[in-house]
Amino acid sequence: EASLLQQNSFMADAQANKRMPSRSMGNMSAIPPENMLLAVPKKGRLNEKVMKLLVDGVGMEYRRPDRVDVAHCTNMPVTLVFLPAHDIATYVGEGNVDMGITGEDVIRETEPSTGIVETVMSLGFGHCQLAVQAPITDNVKSASELAGKRIVTSFPEITRKFFAQYETAETGPTKIKFVSGSVEAACGLGLADGIVDLVETGTTMRAAGLEIVEKIMDTQAVVIKNPSAEHPTMVSKFKSRIEGYHTATQFQLIQYNVRKEDIAACLKLTPGKRSPTISSLDQTGYMAVSALVKKADAATIMDGLAEAGADSVLIFNIANSRM
């Protein structure tokens, strides 16, 4: 119980000051000094996918007590710190945590107040675009038409820089209002002439009677680190595990037997990620081949191998990998 109180106190201080105290201070005493601190979104669109990646891909085991935003991994020297996604880049940049997972849009938005962060890798999920949107009925053809008008957004810094290119003495500065959620309702309530918000499927946008006027940027989830991270070995291992998991989710292993005279045609279909593995069979004149193929292409490749003379064609899912 005392440990939970210490961790809650630690997070309360961090949120109040927007900066975590150093590891040596009393509030951090519950966190082992050898642990790498990893900031993850505590809720929102990225939370579920990030946690699945950490558990299934990285192999983390942890227990997070209710209402506590710090969780120690039981099988790795890592402490998870659950933070609002918009704060993660700042915490990483200031060196309060070693690594973090957040969206590229958040990094761009917090650049003015964030220290230097390095992108370790893109994660391939959380894809969406940050875009200027306006009511369909207004028939706005260009974002320049909204310069100087009322824009509601959760990304005021990006929005301010974007509209600066269209502002003139005649339009004056764009009137940007920050809200933390339900941005799409602003136009319908008469509070804005346009909005800047994330668009993933477009369902919410269309339901609000809005359409994209201009895209500002594409974004996805990324892993970031502080250049002076205290645990470079753990950072490297973390990256390696994610890369191995990504390979496992994108590829399958295909195996088949083929006559020597037909192998050249089959290898054109299965060059592998680096190269195929080829071995001789006891049956004279036959070879066994195994190679990685992209999941999306597996069925077509199997058909092609059968047509090229291969037999015993098998496909296997990969749980994880190290390349």
Protein backbone atom coordinates (compact mmCIF):
# COMPACT_ATOMS: atom_id res chain seq x y z
CA GLU A 1 0.00 0.00 0.00
CA ALA A 2 2.81 2.40 0.82
CA SER A 3 4.36 1.71 -2.59
CA LEU A 4 1.10 2.57 -4.38
CA LEU A 5 0.84 5.81 -2.43
CA GLN A 6 4.39 6.72 -3.42
CA GLN A 7 3.67 6.02 -7.08
CA ASN A 8 0.45 8.04 -7.03
CA SER A 9 2.31 10.91 -5.34
CA PHE A 10 5.00 10.70 -8.00
CA MET A 11 2.46 10.97 -10.84
CA ALA A 12 0.53 13.76 -9.13
CA ASP A 13 3.72 15.82 -8.80
CA ALA A 14 4.66 15.09 -12.39
CA GLN A 15 1.28 16.17 -13.74
CA ALA A 16 1.22 19.31 -11.61
CA ASN A 17 4.71 20.41 -12.63
CA LYS A 18 4.72 18.92 -16.15
CA ARG A 19 8.10 17.49 -15.18
CA MET A 20 9.04 14.37 -13.28
CA PRO A 21 11.45 14.62 -10.37
CA SER A 22 14.83 12.94 -10.71
CA ARG A 23 15.17 9.24 -9.92
CA SER A 24 17.09 10.05 -6.74
CA MET A 25 14.27 12.02 -5.12
CA GLY A 26 11.88 10.53 -2.59
CA ASN A 27 8.85 10.24 -4.84
CA MET A 28 10.82 8.04 -7.24
CA SER A 29 12.03 5.64 -4.56
CA ALA A 30 9.48 3.02 -5.62
CA ILE A 31 11.00 2.84 -9.13
CA PRO A 32 14.17 0.72 -9.37
CA PRO A 33 17.06 2.90 -10.62
CA GLU A 34 18.08 0.25 -13.16
CA ASN A 35 14.67 0.39 -14.87
CA MET A 36 14.16 2.13 -18.17
CA LEU A 37 11.15 4.48 -18.03
CA LEU A 38 8.77 4.05 -20.98
CA ALA A 39 5.90 6.50 -21.42
CA VAL A 40 2.76 5.14 -23.10
CA PRO A 41 -0.66 6.68 -23.84
CA LYS A 42 -2.95 6.15 -20.86
CA LYS A 43 -6.06 6.26 -23.07
CA GLY A 44 -7.20 7.35 -26.51
CA ARG A 45 -6.87 5.99 -30.03
CA LEU A 46 -3.35 4.55 -29.60
CA ASN A 47 -3.64 2.96 -26.15
CA GLU A 48 -5.06 -0.46 -27.09
CA LYS A 49 -2.68 -1.05 -30.01
CA VAL A 50 0.35 0.12 -28.03
CA MET A 51 -0.42 -2.21 -25.13
CA LYS A 52 -0.97 -5.15 -27.50
CA LEU A 53 2.42 -4.42 -29.08
CA LEU A 54 4.15 -4.33 -25.70
CA VAL A 55 2.56 -7.56 -24.48
CA ASP A 56 2.51 -9.66 -27.68
CA GLY A 57 5.50 -8.17 -29.46
CA VAL A 58 7.95 -7.04 -26.80
CA GLY A 59 6.87 -9.74 -24.34
CA MET A 60 6.28 -7.44 -21.38
CA GLU A 61 4.50 -8.74 -18.31
CA TYR A 62 3.21 -6.18 -15.86
CA ARG A 63 0.47 -5.48 -13.34
CA ARG A 64 -1.15 -2.05 -13.23
CA PRO A 65 -3.18 -1.46 -10.06
CA ASP A 66 -6.37 0.55 -10.40
CA ARG A 67 -5.90 4.34 -10.51
CA VAL A 68 -2.10 4.02 -10.62
CA ASP A 69 -0.24 5.36 -13.65
CA VAL A 70 3.04 3.56 -12.97
CA ALA A 71 3.50 -0.18 -13.61
CA HIS A 72 6.68 -2.21 -13.17
CA CYS A 73 7.36 -5.03 -15.62
CA THR A 74 7.97 -8.34 -13.89
CA ASN A 75 10.19 -9.86 -16.59
CA MET A 76 12.15 -6.85 -17.87
CA PRO A 77 13.89 -3.86 -16.23
CA VAL A 78 11.23 -1.49 -17.51
CA THR A 79 8.72 0.75 -15.75
CA LEU A 80 5.68 1.83 -17.74
CA VAL A 81 4.46 5.38 -17.14
CA PHE A 82 0.93 6.03 -18.40
CA LEU A 83 0.56 9.63 -19.60
CA PRO A 84 -1.74 11.69 -21.83
CA ALA A 85 -0.45 11.24 -25.39
CA HIS A 86 0.02 15.00 -25.78
CA ASP A 87 2.49 15.06 -22.86
CA ILE A 88 4.71 12.15 -23.88
CA ALA A 89 7.03 13.99 -26.27
CA THR A 90 7.62 16.70 -23.66
CA TYR A 91 8.49 14.19 -20.96
CA VAL A 92 10.90 12.39 -23.29
CA GLY A 93 12.48 15.62 -24.52
CA GLU A 94 13.07 16.86 -20.99
CA GLY A 95 14.67 13.58 -19.98
CA ASN A 96 12.01 12.67 -17.44
CA VAL A 97 11.50 9.32 -19.17
CA ASP A 98 13.88 7.42 -21.44
CA MET A 99 11.48 6.46 -24.23
CA GLY A 100 7.89 7.05 -25.27
CA ILE A 101 5.28 5.97 -27.78
CA THR A 102 3.04 8.63 -29.28
CA GLY A 103 1.86 10.07 -32.59
CA GLU A 104 3.93 12.12 -35.02
CA ASP A 105 1.24 14.78 -34.80
CA VAL A 106 1.88 15.16 -31.07
CA ILE A 107 5.61 15.53 -31.61
CA ARG A 108 5.04 18.25 -34.20
CA GLU A 109 2.56 20.05 -31.96
CA THR A 110 4.82 20.06 -28.90
CA GLU A 111 8.07 20.98 -30.70
CA PRO A 112 8.09 24.57 -29.37
CA SER A 113 8.18 23.38 -25.74
CA THR A 114 9.88 20.00 -26.12
CA GLY A 115 13.58 19.24 -25.85
CA ILE A 116 15.26 17.24 -28.58
CA VAL A 117 13.78 13.80 -29.19
CA GLU A 118 14.95 11.12 -31.59
CA THR A 119 12.58 8.90 -33.53
CA VAL A 120 13.65 5.31 -32.96
CA MET A 121 11.17 3.73 -35.36
CA SER A 122 7.73 4.01 -36.91
CA LEU A 123 5.22 1.44 -35.70
CA GLY A 124 2.97 1.09 -38.74
CA PHE A 125 -0.31 1.68 -36.93
CA GLY A 126 -2.34 4.68 -35.84
CA HIS A 127 -2.29 6.00 -39.40
CA CYS A 128 -4.40 9.09 -39.99
CA GLN A 129 -4.08 12.61 -41.32
CA LEU A 130 -4.29 15.99 -39.69
CA ALA A 131 -6.46 18.12 -41.92
CA VAL A 132 -8.32 21.39 -42.25
CA GLN A 133 -12.05 20.65 -42.39
CA ALA A 134 -15.07 22.82 -43.09
CA PRO A 135 -18.85 22.34 -43.45
CA ILE A 136 -19.79 20.70 -46.74
CA THR A 137 -22.51 23.30 -47.23
CA ASP A 138 -19.93 26.13 -47.14
CA ASN A 139 -18.22 24.74 -50.27
CA VAL A 140 -14.75 25.83 -49.10
CA LYS A 141 -12.24 24.92 -51.82
CA SER A 142 -8.98 26.03 -50.22
CA ALA A 143 -7.65 26.52 -46.71
CA SER A 144 -6.67 30.03 -47.76
CA GLU A 145 -10.38 30.94 -47.67
CA LEU A 146 -10.35 30.30 -43.91
CA ALA A 147 -7.35 32.51 -43.15
CA GLY A 148 -8.30 35.13 -40.58
CA LYS A 149 -11.47 33.24 -39.63
CA ARG A 150 -12.40 31.14 -36.58
CA ILE A 151 -10.65 27.77 -36.35
CA VAL A 152 -11.16 25.31 -33.49
CA THR A 153 -8.52 22.62 -32.91
CA SER A 154 -6.58 20.49 -30.43
CA PHE A 155 -3.41 21.39 -32.35
CA PRO A 156 -3.03 25.17 -31.97
CA GLU A 157 0.72 25.34 -32.73
CA ILE A 158 0.50 23.34 -35.95
CA THR A 159 -2.62 25.26 -36.96
CA ARG A 160 -1.02 28.64 -36.27
CA LYS A 161 2.02 27.82 -38.39
CA PHE A 162 -0.09 26.36 -41.18
CA PHE A 163 -2.43 29.33 -41.57
CA ALA A 164 0.42 31.86 -41.33
CA GLN A 165 1.23 31.16 -44.97
CA TYR A 166 -2.23 32.39 -46.04
CA GLU A 167 -2.62 35.39 -43.75
CA THR A 168 -2.44 38.89 -45.16
CA ALA A 169 -3.02 42.41 -43.89
CA GLU A 170 -6.55 42.04 -45.23
CA THR A 171 -7.36 38.74 -43.49
CA GLY A 172 -5.56 39.52 -40.26
CA PRO A 173 -4.42 36.69 -37.95
CA THR A 174 -6.47 33.50 -37.89
CA LYS A 175 -8.56 33.23 -34.72
CA ILE A 176 -7.49 29.88 -33.28
CA LYS A 177 -9.34 28.41 -30.31
CA PHE A 178 -8.02 25.36 -28.47
CA VAL A 179 -10.36 22.60 -27.28
CA SER A 180 -9.25 19.22 -26.00
CA GLY A 181 -12.01 17.11 -27.54
CA SER A 182 -15.18 17.00 -29.68
CA VAL A 183 -13.59 19.42 -32.13
CA GLU A 184 -15.93 18.33 -34.92
CA ALA A 185 -18.95 19.80 -33.09
CA ALA A 186 -17.60 23.37 -33.23
CA CYS A 187 -18.88 24.26 -36.69
CA GLY A 188 -22.35 22.85 -36.07
CA LEU A 189 -22.60 24.91 -32.88
CA GLY A 190 -21.64 28.07 -34.74
CA LEU A 191 -18.37 28.39 -32.82
CA ALA A 192 -16.04 28.01 -35.80
CA ASP A 193 -15.78 28.46 -39.54
CA GLY A 194 -13.50 25.46 -39.80
CA ILE A 195 -11.55 22.99 -37.71
CA VAL A 196 -8.18 21.26 -37.75
CA ASP A 197 -8.47 17.70 -36.52
CA LEU A 198 -7.29 14.13 -37.11
CA VAL A 199 -9.12 12.05 -39.71
CA GLU A 200 -8.80 8.27 -39.63
CA THR A 201 -11.81 6.71 -41.38
CA GLY A 202 -13.73 9.96 -41.90
CA THR A 203 -16.90 8.58 -40.32
CA THR A 204 -17.06 11.15 -37.52
CA MET A 205 -16.18 13.95 -39.91
CA ARG A 206 -18.95 13.09 -42.35
CA ALA A 207 -21.48 12.60 -39.53
CA ALA A 208 -20.75 16.19 -38.46
CA GLY A 209 -21.35 17.44 -42.01
CA LEU A 210 -17.69 18.25 -42.60
CA GLU A 211 -15.24 17.58 -45.41
CA ILE A 212 -11.48 17.80 -45.82
CA VAL A 213 -10.35 21.08 -47.34
CA GLU A 214 -6.61 20.52 -47.12
CA LYS A 215 -4.29 17.97 -45.56
CA ILE A 216 -1.63 19.32 -43.21
CA MET A 217 0.29 16.12 -42.46
CA ASP A 218 0.16 12.34 -42.31
CA THR A 219 0.80 10.78 -38.93
CA GLN A 220 1.29 7.39 -37.28
CA ALA A 221 2.53 5.99 -33.99
CA VAL A 222 6.28 6.19 -33.40
CA VAL A 223 8.79 5.25 -30.72
CA ILE A 224 10.88 8.19 -29.53
CA LYS A 225 13.79 8.45 -27.13
CA ASN A 226 15.81 11.08 -25.36
CA PRO A 227 19.29 11.36 -26.97
CA SER A 228 20.79 10.99 -23.48
CA ALA A 229 18.67 8.00 -22.47
CA GLU A 230 20.22 6.25 -19.46
CA HIS A 231 19.61 2.72 -20.74
CA PRO A 232 20.97 2.42 -24.33
CA THR A 233 21.18 -1.39 -24.15
CA MET A 234 17.52 -1.68 -23.17
CA VAL A 235 16.55 0.83 -25.86
CA SER A 236 18.34 -1.29 -28.47
CA LYS A 237 16.70 -4.51 -27.24
CA PHE A 238 13.28 -2.87 -27.21
CA LYS A 239 13.74 -1.78 -30.84
CA SER A 240 14.94 -5.25 -31.87
CA ARG A 241 11.91 -6.93 -30.32
CA ILE A 242 9.47 -4.60 -32.06
CA GLU A 243 11.20 -5.11 -35.42
CA GLY A 244 11.01 -8.88 -34.95
CA TYR A 245 7.31 -8.69 -34.09
CA HIS A 246 6.62 -6.50 -37.11
CA THR A 247 8.28 -9.06 -39.36
CA ALA A 248 6.17 -11.81 -37.79
CA THR A 249 2.93 -9.90 -38.37
CA GLN A 250 3.74 -9.04 -41.97
CA PHE A 251 5.32 -12.28 -43.20
CA GLN A 252 4.64 -16.02 -43.27
CA LEU A 253 7.03 -18.91 -43.79
CA ILE A 254 6.46 -20.95 -46.93
CA GLN A 255 7.99 -24.40 -47.51
CA TYR A 256 7.85 -26.62 -50.57
CA ASN A 257 9.62 -29.36 -52.49
CA VAL A 258 10.62 -28.96 -56.12
CA ARG A 259 12.62 -30.73 -58.84
CA LYS A 260 16.04 -29.21 -59.56
CA GLU A 261 15.03 -28.34 -63.10
CA ASP A 262 12.04 -26.32 -61.84
CA ILE A 263 13.71 -24.54 -58.91
CA ALA A 264 14.75 -21.39 -60.79
CA ALA A 265 11.14 -20.49 -61.62
CA CYS A 266 10.05 -21.16 -58.04
CA LEU A 267 12.83 -19.04 -56.52
CA LYS A 268 11.65 -16.08 -58.58
CA LEU A 269 8.37 -16.34 -56.67
CA THR A 270 10.04 -16.85 -53.26
CA PRO A 271 13.23 -14.75 -53.03
CA GLY A 272 12.71 -14.44 -49.26
CA LYS A 273 13.28 -11.42 -47.06
CA ARG A 274 17.03 -11.85 -47.43
CA SER A 275 17.35 -15.14 -49.31
CA PRO A 276 15.61 -18.55 -49.30
CA THR A 277 16.94 -21.63 -47.50
CA ILE A 278 17.59 -24.51 -49.89
CA SER A 279 18.49 -28.09 -48.97
CA SER A 280 18.64 -31.45 -50.76
CA LEU A 281 16.06 -34.16 -50.21
CA ASP A 282 16.84 -37.88 -49.98
CA GLN A 283 14.81 -38.31 -53.13
CA THR A 284 17.23 -37.79 -56.00
CA GLY A 285 16.70 -34.64 -58.04
CA TYR A 286 14.49 -32.87 -55.48
CA MET A 287 15.18 -29.82 -53.33
CA ALA A 288 13.41 -28.41 -50.27
CA VAL A 289 12.95 -24.64 -50.08
CA SER A 290 11.77 -22.37 -47.27
CA ALA A 291 11.39 -18.60 -47.45
CA LEU A 292 9.52 -15.67 -45.97
CA VAL A 293 6.68 -14.24 -48.04
CA LYS A 294 4.37 -11.34 -47.34
CA LYS A 295 1.05 -12.44 -45.89
CA ALA A 296 -0.89 -10.43 -48.44
CA ASP A 297 0.84 -12.30 -51.30
CA ALA A 298 0.91 -15.81 -49.80
CA ALA A 299 -2.12 -17.30 -51.56
CA THR A 300 -1.04 -16.02 -54.97
CA ILE A 301 2.50 -17.31 -54.44
CA MET A 302 1.20 -20.75 -53.46
CA ASP A 303 -0.78 -20.90 -56.70
CA GLY A 304 2.27 -19.84 -58.69
CA LEU A 305 4.49 -22.47 -57.06
CA ALA A 306 2.02 -25.24 -57.84
CA GLU A 307 1.90 -24.11 -61.46
CA ALA A 308 5.71 -23.98 -61.59
CA GLY A 309 6.02 -27.62 -60.49
CA ALA A 310 6.43 -27.38 -56.71
CA ASP A 311 4.60 -29.80 -54.42
CA SER A 312 3.99 -30.20 -50.66
CA VAL A 313 3.56 -26.44 -50.46
CA LEU A 314 2.94 -25.41 -46.85
CA ILE A 315 2.47 -22.03 -45.18
CA PHE A 316 3.20 -21.28 -41.50
CA ASN A 317 2.35 -18.33 -39.29
CA ILE A 318 5.23 -16.77 -37.32
CA ALA A 319 4.67 -15.86 -33.68
CA ASN A 320 7.79 -13.68 -33.42
CA SER A 321 11.23 -13.36 -34.94
CA ARG A 322 14.71 -11.82 -34.76
CA MET A 323 16.19 -10.90 -38.09
